[in-house]
Protein backbone atom coordinates (compact mmCIF):
# COMPACT_ATOMS: atom_id res chain seq x y z
CA UNK A 1 4.88 -0.54 12.26
CA UNK A 2 8.35 -1.77 11.32
CA UNK A 3 10.64 -0.49 14.04
CA UNK A 4 13.67 -2.65 13.40
CA UNK A 5 14.04 -2.47 9.63
CA UNK A 6 16.99 -0.78 7.91
CA UNK A 7 14.60 1.47 6.00
CA UNK A 8 12.60 2.73 8.96
CA UNK A 9 12.34 6.53 9.41
CA UNK A 10 15.74 7.82 10.47
CA UNK A 11 14.58 11.22 11.71
CA UNK A 12 11.20 10.84 13.48
CA UNK A 13 11.78 13.93 15.62
CA UNK A 14 12.13 16.06 12.49
CA UNK A 15 8.83 15.06 10.90
CA UNK A 16 6.35 17.92 10.36
CA UNK A 17 3.02 17.90 12.17
CA UNK A 18 1.27 17.43 8.81
CA UNK A 19 3.06 15.07 6.44
CA UNK A 20 2.94 15.81 2.72
CA UNK A 21 3.41 12.13 1.84
CA UNK A 22 1.44 8.92 2.26
CA UNK A 23 2.80 5.47 3.00
CA UNK A 24 6.39 4.99 4.05
CA UNK A 25 6.62 1.40 2.86
CA UNK A 26 4.94 -0.73 0.20
CA UNK A 27 5.74 -4.25 -0.91
CA UNK A 28 8.07 -6.37 1.19
CA UNK A 29 11.69 -5.65 0.33
CA UNK A 30 13.87 -8.35 -1.17
CA UNK A 31 17.25 -9.43 0.17
CA UNK A 32 19.36 -7.21 -2.08
CA UNK A 33 17.15 -4.23 -1.35
CA UNK A 34 17.52 -4.78 2.39
CA UNK A 35 21.28 -5.12 1.95
CA UNK A 36 21.55 -1.79 0.14
CA UNK A 37 19.44 -0.07 2.77
CA UNK A 38 21.69 -1.45 5.48
CA UNK A 39 25.07 -1.04 3.75
CA UNK A 40 24.80 1.71 1.15
CA UNK A 41 22.20 4.12 2.49
CA UNK A 42 24.04 5.14 5.70
CA UNK A 43 26.97 6.47 3.66
CA UNK A 44 24.65 8.46 1.37
CA UNK A 45 22.10 9.67 3.90
CA UNK A 46 21.86 13.42 4.48
CA UNK A 47 21.74 14.01 8.22
CA UNK A 48 21.22 17.45 9.67
CA UNK A 49 23.77 19.01 12.05
CA UNK A 50 22.62 18.30 15.63
CA UNK A 51 23.32 21.85 16.80
CA UNK A 52 20.80 23.47 14.46
CA UNK A 53 23.54 24.91 12.24
CA UNK A 54 22.96 25.47 8.51
CA UNK A 55 23.96 22.69 6.14
CA UNK A 56 26.12 23.72 3.18
CA UNK A 57 25.08 21.29 0.41
CA UNK A 58 28.41 21.67 -1.38
CA UNK A 59 30.07 19.74 1.45
CA UNK A 60 27.96 16.63 0.90
CA UNK A 61 29.92 15.20 -2.04
CA UNK A 62 33.40 14.12 -0.86
CA UNK A 63 33.47 11.35 -3.49
CA UNK A 64 33.74 13.94 -6.27
CA UNK A 65 37.21 15.00 -7.40
CA UNK A 66 36.27 18.66 -6.95
CA UNK A 67 33.43 20.56 -5.26
CA UNK A 68 30.23 20.26 -7.33
CA UNK A 69 29.79 22.92 -9.98
CA UNK A 70 26.13 23.15 -8.96
CA UNK A 71 23.71 21.42 -6.58
CA UNK A 72 20.22 20.26 -7.60
CA UNK A 73 17.47 19.01 -5.28
CA UNK A 74 14.67 16.64 -6.23
CA UNK A 75 11.76 16.57 -3.80
CA UNK A 76 9.96 13.21 -3.77
CA UNK A 77 12.00 11.30 -6.34
CA UNK A 78 9.67 8.28 -6.48
CA UNK A 79 11.55 5.37 -8.02
CA UNK A 80 14.56 7.57 -8.76
CA UNK A 81 14.50 7.22 -12.57
CA UNK A 82 14.79 10.94 -13.23
CA UNK A 83 17.33 11.55 -10.47
CA UNK A 84 19.63 8.71 -11.55
CA UNK A 85 19.44 9.73 -15.22
CA UNK A 86 20.28 13.35 -14.43
CA UNK A 87 23.15 12.36 -12.14
CA UNK A 88 24.62 10.13 -14.85
CA UNK A 89 24.27 12.90 -17.46
CA UNK A 90 25.82 15.56 -15.19
CA UNK A 91 28.64 13.93 -13.17
CA UNK A 92 30.00 17.31 -12.05
CA UNK A 93 26.73 18.36 -10.41
CA UNK A 94 25.76 17.27 -6.91
CA UNK A 95 22.25 15.84 -6.49
CA UNK A 96 20.19 15.62 -3.32
CA UNK A 97 17.12 13.41 -3.49
CA UNK A 98 14.45 13.59 -0.78
CA UNK A 99 12.03 10.67 -0.55
CA UNK A 100 10.46 9.15 2.60
CA UNK A 101 9.05 6.08 0.76
CA UNK A 102 11.40 3.21 1.55
CA UNK A 103 10.69 1.23 -1.62
CA UNK A 104 11.56 4.26 -3.76
CA UNK A 105 14.81 4.73 -1.86
CA UNK A 106 15.63 1.07 -2.44
CA UNK A 107 15.12 1.48 -6.20
CA UNK A 108 17.38 4.52 -6.34
CA UNK A 109 20.08 2.71 -4.37
CA UNK A 110 20.00 -0.10 -6.94
CA UNK A 111 20.54 2.44 -9.75
CA UNK A 112 23.36 4.14 -7.84
CA UNK A 113 25.12 0.82 -7.34
CA UNK A 114 24.56 -0.44 -10.89
CA UNK A 115 25.73 2.82 -12.52
CA UNK A 116 28.46 3.67 -9.98
CA UNK A 117 26.98 7.11 -9.38
CA UNK A 118 29.06 9.20 -6.98
CA UNK A 119 27.15 12.47 -7.04
CA UNK A 120 23.90 11.58 -5.25
CA UNK A 121 23.00 12.02 -1.59
CA UNK A 122 19.68 10.91 -0.09
CA UNK A 123 17.37 12.46 2.46
CA UNK A 124 15.07 9.55 3.40
CA UNK A 125 12.71 11.74 5.40
CA UNK A 126 10.40 14.65 4.74
CA UNK A 127 12.21 17.45 2.96
CA UNK A 128 10.79 20.28 5.08
CA UNK A 129 13.44 20.05 7.81
CA UNK A 130 16.19 19.90 5.19
CA UNK A 131 14.95 23.02 3.40
CA UNK A 132 14.85 24.90 6.69
CA UNK A 133 18.54 24.12 7.30
CA UNK A 134 19.82 25.04 3.86
CA UNK A 135 21.41 28.48 3.61
CA UNK A 136 20.04 31.14 1.32
CA UNK A 137 20.92 30.95 -2.38
CA UNK A 138 22.68 27.58 -2.21
CA UNK A 139 20.82 25.55 -4.86
CA UNK A 140 20.82 25.92 -8.63
CA UNK A 141 17.73 23.85 -9.34
CA UNK A 142 14.79 22.25 -7.52
CA UNK A 143 12.51 19.57 -9.00
CA UNK A 144 9.07 18.54 -7.78
CA UNK A 145 7.83 15.85 -10.17
CA UNK A 146 4.44 14.15 -9.97
CA UNK A 147 3.87 14.83 -6.27
CA UNK A 148 0.96 13.20 -4.49
CA UNK A 149 -2.02 15.32 -5.64
CA UNK A 150 -4.17 14.69 -2.53
CA UNK A 151 -7.23 15.12 -4.78
CA UNK A 152 -10.02 15.30 -2.18
CA UNK A 153 -10.87 18.79 -0.99
CA UNK A 154 -10.24 17.92 2.66
CA UNK A 155 -6.80 16.57 1.71
CA UNK A 156 -5.52 19.55 -0.23
CA UNK A 157 -3.86 21.08 2.82
CA UNK A 158 -1.42 18.17 2.54
CA UNK A 159 -0.22 19.19 -0.92
CA UNK A 160 3.44 20.12 -0.83
CA UNK A 161 3.00 23.26 -2.90
CA UNK A 162 1.93 26.18 -0.73
CA UNK A 163 2.85 29.83 -0.33
CA UNK A 164 5.18 28.82 2.50
CA UNK A 165 6.94 26.00 0.62
CA UNK A 166 7.39 28.19 -2.46
CA UNK A 167 8.93 30.88 -0.29
CA UNK A 168 11.40 28.32 1.07
CA UNK A 169 12.24 27.06 -2.42
CA UNK A 170 12.78 30.63 -3.58
CA UNK A 171 14.96 31.34 -0.55
CA UNK A 172 17.35 28.46 -1.20
CA UNK A 173 17.55 29.00 -4.97
CA UNK A 174 20.33 31.17 -6.35
CA UNK A 175 19.33 34.17 -8.45
CA UNK A 176 18.16 32.75 -11.78
CA UNK A 177 17.89 29.25 -10.31
CA UNK A 178 15.05 27.08 -11.58
CA UNK A 179 12.09 25.39 -9.91
CA UNK A 180 10.60 22.72 -12.16
CA UNK A 181 7.22 21.10 -11.47
CA UNK A 182 5.44 18.35 -13.40
CA UNK A 183 2.05 16.73 -12.84
CA UNK A 184 -0.57 14.81 -14.78
CA UNK A 185 -3.32 16.20 -12.54
CA UNK A 186 -4.71 19.40 -14.06
CA UNK A 187 -6.09 20.62 -10.75
CA UNK A 188 -2.69 20.36 -9.06
CA UNK A 189 -0.95 22.05 -11.99
CA UNK A 190 -3.43 24.93 -11.74
CA UNK A 191 -3.04 25.02 -7.96
CA UNK A 192 0.73 25.33 -8.36
CA UNK A 193 0.53 27.95 -11.08
CA UNK A 194 -1.82 30.18 -9.06
CA UNK A 195 0.42 30.08 -5.99
CA UNK A 196 3.63 30.59 -7.92
CA UNK A 197 2.27 33.52 -9.93
CA UNK A 198 1.52 35.35 -6.70
CA UNK A 199 5.00 34.68 -5.36
CA UNK A 200 7.12 37.85 -5.23
CA UNK A 201 10.36 35.94 -5.81
CA UNK A 202 9.54 33.39 -8.55
CA UNK A 203 8.60 34.09 -12.17
CA UNK A 204 7.09 31.75 -14.76
CA UNK A 205 9.47 31.25 -17.68
CA UNK A 206 6.83 30.19 -20.24
CA UNK A 207 6.56 32.25 -23.42
CA UNK A 208 3.95 30.16 -25.22
CA UNK A 209 1.48 27.31 -24.71
CA UNK A 210 3.96 24.67 -25.88
CA UNK A 211 6.28 25.62 -23.02
CA UNK A 212 4.05 23.88 -20.46
CA UNK A 213 2.99 20.95 -22.64
CA UNK A 214 6.49 19.84 -23.65
CA UNK A 215 8.95 18.08 -21.31
CA UNK A 216 11.93 20.00 -19.97
CA UNK A 217 15.16 19.91 -22.02
CA UNK A 218 17.06 16.67 -21.46
CA UNK A 219 13.99 15.10 -19.86
CA UNK A 220 14.49 11.34 -19.27
CA UNK A 221 10.89 10.67 -18.19
CA UNK A 222 9.69 8.69 -15.20
CA UNK A 223 7.89 5.40 -14.73
CA UNK A 224 4.89 7.19 -13.25
CA UNK A 225 4.72 9.56 -16.19
CA UNK A 226 4.65 6.64 -18.64
CA UNK A 227 1.71 5.13 -16.76
CA UNK A 228 -0.12 8.45 -16.74
CA UNK A 229 0.30 8.91 -20.49
CA UNK A 230 -0.80 5.32 -21.12
CA UNK A 231 -3.94 6.06 -19.09
CA UNK A 232 -4.69 9.08 -21.28
CA UNK A 233 -3.59 11.83 -18.89
CA UNK A 234 -1.48 14.65 -20.33
CA UNK A 235 1.35 15.95 -18.15
CA UNK A 236 1.96 19.62 -17.52
CA UNK A 237 5.51 20.96 -17.16
CA UNK A 238 5.96 24.25 -15.31
CA UNK A 239 9.26 26.08 -14.90
CA UNK A 240 9.89 29.08 -12.68
CA UNK A 241 13.03 31.16 -12.18
CA UNK A 242 14.23 32.84 -9.02
CA UNK A 243 14.14 36.61 -9.45
CA UNK A 244 17.36 38.52 -8.66
CA UNK A 245 17.64 39.52 -5.04
CA UNK A 246 17.25 43.24 -4.58
CA UNK A 247 15.10 43.59 -7.71
CA UNK A 248 12.01 44.51 -5.72
CA UNK A 249 10.75 45.32 -2.23
CA UNK A 250 9.96 41.66 -1.45
CA UNK A 251 13.12 40.16 -2.98
């Protein structure tokens, strides 16, 4: 285990008992990647208040000229292609990316530096602790794109989507806020749809079959998605909206 690397886990005490991710590190990092992890990441890292207090995500973007007009969260951003593209297209929105895989963080840092992006903050640890500290109705959008499907039956308890995680996502979303999910694994798409349809606070926005076979508006794509399509797998795109609070007994 690398215990003295810049990209080592920064919050080991906050890890859940059952991790929803696999490896933390892949190929050996190059010099520039190590430099960014050492020099750039500390200024962008999202740390949680030590006293257990809630974390207002609007306070995370001092580099912006004004408070962000909205805050979006991407859970497991992979190589960061989608996150960087969205941040460049929406400079007035604050973006939080959560990704424990060091090599993915290094790729996003390279994009941030190359494109001079000032509206991204990074949580380089499991997102569960972050979600628990966010106040209610503080996010406008949450993305979960091509998460690890954990395909074996004994592994499925490690899938991020669960009744509990959907409840947390619904809690932090503003009324009308969107949760967007994409996967090229039909079983995981079905798994997510079943659990979201039984959620009392999220509603599926689809009106026709094309709504879950076509990418989201303004979709920049991801490297993983391109590989999946090249391999003959068809992605599924699911969008859910947060129901208005007070609209029902469970809201």
